[in-house]
């Protein structure tokens, strides 16, 4: 890790950048003072085009055919569904899914895990299809917590992980 000691940073009239000696840009500031961190750890995915009915505590992952529209900046999310924190700091995890009794009568549960510690437990009760066909429910949660370097984050899911844009999973490093 490098340390930067500065009294003043000057750039041209449209953009100022901080780079290492090999030329990799770490930070850009445009003329409107908007700051962009070019290599901020980030993961996003929608549900796969086909819905998945997950058995108890299935880790949402590419290996389990759970994702589409994946953005994995820095490649910190493995195909097995484990996000390894590249730097210490605050991370925010968001999860949203819809459930439909026509596809599954299983009660939906989501657990956001930091290592073996449960940070958030979501629970979505579903009206059984024998009572009401085509009953929909949403399950959503968001949690922010401090991580050390190489800590691991994952989401365990039980029940219907609805396909396409009806589900999303997101992890972002906040700083």
C-alpha atoms as a PDB file:
ATOM      1  CA  UNK A   1       0.000   0.000   0.000  1.00  0.00           C
ATOM      2  CA  UNK A   2       1.213   3.510  -0.799  1.00  0.00           C
ATOM      3  CA  UNK A   3       0.781   6.698   1.187  1.00  0.00           C
ATOM      4  CA  UNK A   4       0.126  10.006  -0.504  1.00  0.00           C
ATOM      5  CA  UNK A   5       1.185  13.238   1.179  1.00  0.00           C
ATOM      6  CA  UNK A   6      -0.135  16.303  -0.619  1.00  0.00           C
ATOM      7  CA  UNK A   7      -0.424  20.034  -0.117  1.00  0.00           C
ATOM      8  CA  UNK A   8      -2.094  20.609  -3.468  1.00  0.00           C
ATOM      9  CA  UNK A   9      -3.241  18.603  -6.482  1.00  0.00           C
ATOM     10  CA  UNK A  10      -3.493  20.298  -9.846  1.00  0.00           C
ATOM     11  CA  UNK A  11      -4.967  19.005 -13.050  1.00  0.00           C
ATOM     12  CA  UNK A  12      -6.171  20.363 -16.342  1.00  0.00           C
ATOM     13  CA  UNK A  13      -9.498  22.202 -16.561  1.00  0.00           C
ATOM     14  CA  UNK A  14     -11.578  19.096 -17.212  1.00  0.00           C
ATOM     15  CA  UNK A  15     -10.090  16.291 -15.137  1.00  0.00           C
ATOM     16  CA  UNK A  16      -7.575  15.550 -12.377  1.00  0.00           C
ATOM     17  CA  UNK A  17      -6.322  12.019 -11.886  1.00  0.00           C
ATOM     18  CA  UNK A  18      -4.193  10.236  -9.310  1.00  0.00           C
ATOM     19  CA  UNK A  19      -2.091   7.459 -10.830  1.00  0.00           C
ATOM     20  CA  UNK A  20       0.609   5.097  -9.699  1.00  0.00           C
ATOM     21  CA  UNK A  21       3.964   5.004 -11.478  1.00  0.00           C
ATOM     22  CA  UNK A  22       2.747   2.338 -13.934  1.00  0.00           C
ATOM     23  CA  UNK A  23      -0.096   4.647 -15.017  1.00  0.00           C
ATOM     24  CA  UNK A  24      -3.068   2.929 -13.343  1.00  0.00           C
ATOM     25  CA  UNK A  25      -5.645   5.556 -12.389  1.00  0.00           C
ATOM     26  CA  UNK A  26      -6.857   5.241  -8.797  1.00  0.00           C
ATOM     27  CA  UNK A  27      -9.003   8.352  -8.591  1.00  0.00           C
ATOM     28  CA  UNK A  28     -10.435  10.935 -10.983  1.00  0.00           C
ATOM     29  CA  UNK A  29     -11.992  14.305 -10.154  1.00  0.00           C
ATOM     30  CA  UNK A  30     -13.827  16.107 -12.950  1.00  0.00           C
ATOM     31  CA  UNK A  31     -14.400  19.873 -13.337  1.00  0.00           C
ATOM     32  CA  UNK A  32     -17.685  19.622 -11.383  1.00  0.00           C
ATOM     33  CA  UNK A  33     -15.801  18.047  -8.427  1.00  0.00           C
ATOM     34  CA  UNK A  34     -17.343  14.575  -8.969  1.00  0.00           C
ATOM     35  CA  UNK A  35     -14.993  11.890  -7.650  1.00  0.00           C
ATOM     36  CA  UNK A  36     -14.684   8.503  -9.345  1.00  0.00           C
ATOM     37  CA  UNK A  37     -12.796   5.566  -7.850  1.00  0.00           C
ATOM     38  CA  UNK A  38     -11.971   3.463 -10.886  1.00  0.00           C
ATOM     39  CA  UNK A  39     -11.312   0.152  -9.177  1.00  0.00           C
ATOM     40  CA  UNK A  40     -13.936   0.110  -6.418  1.00  0.00           C
ATOM     41  CA  UNK A  41     -14.812  -3.516  -5.498  1.00  0.00           C
ATOM     42  CA  UNK A  42     -18.362  -4.203  -6.660  1.00  0.00           C
ATOM     43  CA  UNK A  43     -20.655  -7.117  -7.488  1.00  0.00           C
ATOM     44  CA  UNK A  44     -24.120  -7.048  -9.057  1.00  0.00           C
ATOM     45  CA  UNK A  45     -26.346  -9.734 -10.566  1.00  0.00           C
ATOM     46  CA  UNK A  46     -29.969 -10.280 -11.485  1.00  0.00           C
ATOM     47  CA  UNK A  47     -31.599 -13.672 -11.139  1.00  0.00           C
ATOM     48  CA  UNK A  48     -30.937 -16.111 -13.986  1.00  0.00           C
ATOM     49  CA  UNK A  49     -33.562 -16.128 -16.745  1.00  0.00           C
ATOM     50  CA  UNK A  50     -34.922 -19.361 -15.227  1.00  0.00           C
ATOM     51  CA  UNK A  51     -36.071 -19.232 -11.615  1.00  0.00           C
ATOM     52  CA  UNK A  52     -34.250 -21.472  -9.143  1.00  0.00           C
ATOM     53  CA  UNK A  53     -35.893 -23.308  -6.246  1.00  0.00           C
ATOM     54  CA  UNK A  54     -33.070 -23.543  -3.733  1.00  0.00           C
ATOM     55  CA  UNK A  55     -32.870 -26.210  -1.056  1.00  0.00           C
ATOM     56  CA  UNK A  56     -32.073 -25.081   2.502  1.00  0.00           C
ATOM     57  CA  UNK A  57     -29.252 -22.526   2.724  1.00  0.00           C
ATOM     58  CA  UNK A  58     -28.061 -22.849  -0.888  1.00  0.00           C
ATOM     59  CA  UNK A  59     -25.320 -20.303  -1.606  1.00  0.00           C
ATOM     60  CA  UNK A  60     -26.421 -18.017  -4.443  1.00  0.00           C
ATOM     61  CA  UNK A  61     -23.743 -18.492  -7.097  1.00  0.00           C
ATOM     62  CA  UNK A  62     -22.882 -18.818 -10.769  1.00  0.00           C
ATOM     63  CA  UNK A  63     -22.185 -22.511 -10.098  1.00  0.00           C
ATOM     64  CA  UNK A  64     -25.837 -22.918  -9.026  1.00  0.00           C
ATOM     65  CA  UNK A  65     -27.057 -21.101 -12.168  1.00  0.00           C
ATOM     66  CA  UNK A  66     -28.503 -18.220 -10.110  1.00  0.00           C
ATOM     67  CA  UNK A  67     -27.159 -15.160 -11.964  1.00  0.00           C
ATOM     68  CA  UNK A  68     -27.525 -13.098 -15.133  1.00  0.00           C
ATOM     69  CA  UNK A  69     -26.368  -9.563 -16.024  1.00  0.00           C
ATOM     70  CA  UNK A  70     -23.314  -9.991 -13.808  1.00  0.00           C
ATOM     71  CA  UNK A  71     -20.946  -7.099 -13.051  1.00  0.00           C
ATOM     72  CA  UNK A  72     -17.970  -8.293 -10.988  1.00  0.00           C
ATOM     73  CA  UNK A  73     -15.539  -5.367 -10.756  1.00  0.00           C
ATOM     74  CA  UNK A  74     -12.236  -6.711  -9.474  1.00  0.00           C
ATOM     75  CA  UNK A  75     -13.397 -10.353  -9.764  1.00  0.00           C
ATOM     76  CA  UNK A  76     -13.858 -10.653  -5.996  1.00  0.00           C
ATOM     77  CA  UNK A  77     -17.003 -12.836  -6.337  1.00  0.00           C
ATOM     78  CA  UNK A  78     -16.113 -16.466  -7.062  1.00  0.00           C
ATOM     79  CA  UNK A  79     -18.261 -18.782  -9.182  1.00  0.00           C
ATOM     80  CA  UNK A  80     -19.048 -20.599  -5.913  1.00  0.00           C
ATOM     81  CA  UNK A  81     -20.764 -17.434  -4.586  1.00  0.00           C
ATOM     82  CA  UNK A  82     -18.104 -16.269  -2.128  1.00  0.00           C
ATOM     83  CA  UNK A  83     -17.132 -12.573  -2.207  1.00  0.00           C
ATOM     84  CA  UNK A  84     -13.634 -12.065  -0.745  1.00  0.00           C
ATOM     85  CA  UNK A  85     -13.051  -8.524   0.534  1.00  0.00           C
ATOM     86  CA  UNK A  86      -9.890  -7.128  -1.105  1.00  0.00           C
ATOM     87  CA  UNK A  87      -9.571  -4.202   1.327  1.00  0.00           C
ATOM     88  CA  UNK A  88     -10.708  -3.481   4.875  1.00  0.00           C
ATOM     89  CA  UNK A  89     -13.672  -1.167   5.274  1.00  0.00           C
ATOM     90  CA  UNK A  90     -17.451  -0.903   5.146  1.00  0.00           C
ATOM     91  CA  UNK A  91     -19.351  -3.123   2.712  1.00  0.00           C
ATOM     92  CA  UNK A  92     -23.034  -2.890   1.823  1.00  0.00           C
ATOM     93  CA  UNK A  93     -24.982  -5.978   0.750  1.00  0.00           C
ATOM     94  CA  UNK A  94     -28.439  -5.760  -0.829  1.00  0.00           C
ATOM     95  CA  UNK A  95     -30.775  -8.554  -1.877  1.00  0.00           C
ATOM     96  CA  UNK A  96     -34.260  -8.517  -3.426  1.00  0.00           C
ATOM     97  CA  UNK A  97     -36.406 -11.328  -4.792  1.00  0.00           C
ATOM     98  CA  UNK A  98     -40.012 -12.045  -5.634  1.00  0.00           C
ATOM     99  CA  UNK A  99     -41.765 -15.319  -4.897  1.00  0.00           C
ATOM    100  CA  UNK A 100     -44.754 -16.896  -6.631  1.00  0.00           C
ATOM    101  CA  UNK A 101     -46.797 -19.788  -5.249  1.00  0.00           C
ATOM    102  CA  UNK A 102     -47.479 -21.101  -8.740  1.00  0.00           C
ATOM    103  CA  UNK A 103     -43.772 -22.024  -8.903  1.00  0.00           C
ATOM    104  CA  UNK A 104     -43.119 -22.974  -5.266  1.00  0.00           C
ATOM    105  CA  UNK A 105     -44.994 -23.168  -1.957  1.00  0.00           C
ATOM    106  CA  UNK A 106     -41.697 -23.096  -0.048  1.00  0.00           C
ATOM    107  CA  UNK A 107     -41.279 -20.265   2.451  1.00  0.00           C
ATOM    108  CA  UNK A 108     -38.497 -18.007   1.187  1.00  0.00           C
ATOM    109  CA  UNK A 109     -35.524 -17.206   3.399  1.00  0.00           C
ATOM    110  CA  UNK A 110     -32.340 -15.268   2.718  1.00  0.00           C
ATOM    111  CA  UNK A 111     -29.309 -14.958   4.982  1.00  0.00           C
ATOM    112  CA  UNK A 112     -26.530 -12.462   4.431  1.00  0.00           C
ATOM    113  CA  UNK A 113     -23.432 -14.062   5.953  1.00  0.00           C
ATOM    114  CA  UNK A 114     -20.135 -12.440   6.976  1.00  0.00           C
ATOM    115  CA  UNK A 115     -17.945 -15.506   7.369  1.00  0.00           C
ATOM    116  CA  UNK A 116     -20.017 -17.716   9.675  1.00  0.00           C
ATOM    117  CA  UNK A 117     -21.860 -14.750  11.268  1.00  0.00           C
ATOM    118  CA  UNK A 118     -25.401 -14.055  10.114  1.00  0.00           C
ATOM    119  CA  UNK A 119     -25.721 -10.286   9.507  1.00  0.00           C
ATOM    120  CA  UNK A 120     -29.323 -10.305   8.258  1.00  0.00           C
ATOM    121  CA  UNK A 121     -32.019 -12.982   8.098  1.00  0.00           C
ATOM    122  CA  UNK A 122     -34.891 -12.322   5.689  1.00  0.00           C
ATOM    123  CA  UNK A 123     -38.074 -14.341   5.858  1.00  0.00           C
ATOM    124  CA  UNK A 124     -40.949 -14.236   3.383  1.00  0.00           C
ATOM    125  CA  UNK A 125     -44.087 -16.216   4.106  1.00  0.00           C
ATOM    126  CA  UNK A 126     -46.009 -17.491   1.079  1.00  0.00           C
ATOM    127  CA  UNK A 127     -49.727 -18.266   0.868  1.00  0.00           C
ATOM    128  CA  UNK A 128     -49.905 -21.924  -0.294  1.00  0.00           C
ATOM    129  CA  UNK A 129     -51.188 -22.461  -3.845  1.00  0.00           C
ATOM    130  CA  UNK A 130     -53.907 -24.744  -2.403  1.00  0.00           C
ATOM    131  CA  UNK A 131     -55.368 -21.619  -0.743  1.00  0.00           C
ATOM    132  CA  UNK A 132     -54.648 -18.979  -3.393  1.00  0.00           C
ATOM    133  CA  UNK A 133     -53.050 -19.641  -6.759  1.00  0.00           C
ATOM    134  CA  UNK A 134     -50.571 -17.065  -8.078  1.00  0.00           C
ATOM    135  CA  UNK A 135     -49.807 -15.402  -4.758  1.00  0.00           C
ATOM    136  CA  UNK A 136     -46.799 -13.076  -5.006  1.00  0.00           C
ATOM    137  CA  UNK A 137     -44.582 -11.778  -2.226  1.00  0.00           C
ATOM    138  CA  UNK A 138     -41.335  -9.796  -2.133  1.00  0.00           C
ATOM    139  CA  UNK A 139     -38.386 -10.283   0.148  1.00  0.00           C
ATOM    140  CA  UNK A 140     -35.720  -7.586   0.403  1.00  0.00           C
ATOM    141  CA  UNK A 141     -32.963  -6.472   2.722  1.00  0.00           C
ATOM    142  CA  UNK A 142     -29.895  -4.308   2.950  1.00  0.00           C
ATOM    143  CA  UNK A 143     -27.125  -4.338   5.539  1.00  0.00           C
ATOM    144  CA  UNK A 144     -23.800  -2.522   5.970  1.00  0.00           C
ATOM    145  CA  UNK A 145     -20.930  -3.885   8.058  1.00  0.00           C
ATOM    146  CA  UNK A 146     -17.193  -3.605   8.635  1.00  0.00           C
ATOM    147  CA  UNK A 147     -14.913  -6.202   7.027  1.00  0.00           C
ATOM    148  CA  UNK A 148     -11.198  -6.951   7.256  1.00  0.00           C
ATOM    149  CA  UNK A 149      -9.024  -7.872   4.275  1.00  0.00           C
ATOM    150  CA  UNK A 150      -9.909 -11.389   3.016  1.00  0.00           C
ATOM    151  CA  UNK A 151     -13.175 -11.591   4.967  1.00  0.00           C
ATOM    152  CA  UNK A 152     -15.847 -13.481   3.045  1.00  0.00           C
ATOM    153  CA  UNK A 153     -19.448 -12.539   2.285  1.00  0.00           C
ATOM    154  CA  UNK A 154     -22.130 -14.811   0.850  1.00  0.00           C
ATOM    155  CA  UNK A 155     -25.911 -15.099   0.656  1.00  0.00           C
ATOM    156  CA  UNK A 156     -27.616 -18.356   1.583  1.00  0.00           C
ATOM    157  CA  UNK A 157     -31.073 -18.850   0.079  1.00  0.00           C
ATOM    158  CA  UNK A 158     -33.982 -21.204   0.718  1.00  0.00           C
ATOM    159  CA  UNK A 159     -36.996 -21.339  -1.605  1.00  0.00           C
ATOM    160  CA  UNK A 160     -37.677 -19.543  -4.863  1.00  0.00           C
ATOM    161  CA  UNK A 161     -34.959 -17.249  -6.277  1.00  0.00           C
ATOM    162  CA  UNK A 162     -37.072 -15.645  -8.998  1.00  0.00           C
ATOM    163  CA  UNK A 163     -35.582 -15.212 -12.456  1.00  0.00           C
ATOM    164  CA  UNK A 164     -34.506 -12.177 -14.453  1.00  0.00           C
ATOM    165  CA  UNK A 165     -34.956  -8.631 -13.153  1.00  0.00           C
ATOM    166  CA  UNK A 166     -37.283  -9.837 -10.384  1.00  0.00           C
ATOM    167  CA  UNK A 167     -34.237 -10.660  -8.248  1.00  0.00           C
ATOM    168  CA  UNK A 168     -31.011  -8.805  -7.618  1.00  0.00           C
ATOM    169  CA  UNK A 169     -27.929  -9.255  -5.471  1.00  0.00           C
ATOM    170  CA  UNK A 170     -25.410  -6.494  -4.884  1.00  0.00           C
ATOM    171  CA  UNK A 171     -22.220  -6.006  -2.826  1.00  0.00           C
ATOM    172  CA  UNK A 172     -20.383  -2.701  -2.822  1.00  0.00           C
ATOM    173  CA  UNK A 173     -17.320  -1.439  -0.964  1.00  0.00           C
ATOM    174  CA  UNK A 174     -18.151   1.907   0.634  1.00  0.00           C
ATOM    175  CA  UNK A 175     -14.761   2.810   2.038  1.00  0.00           C
END
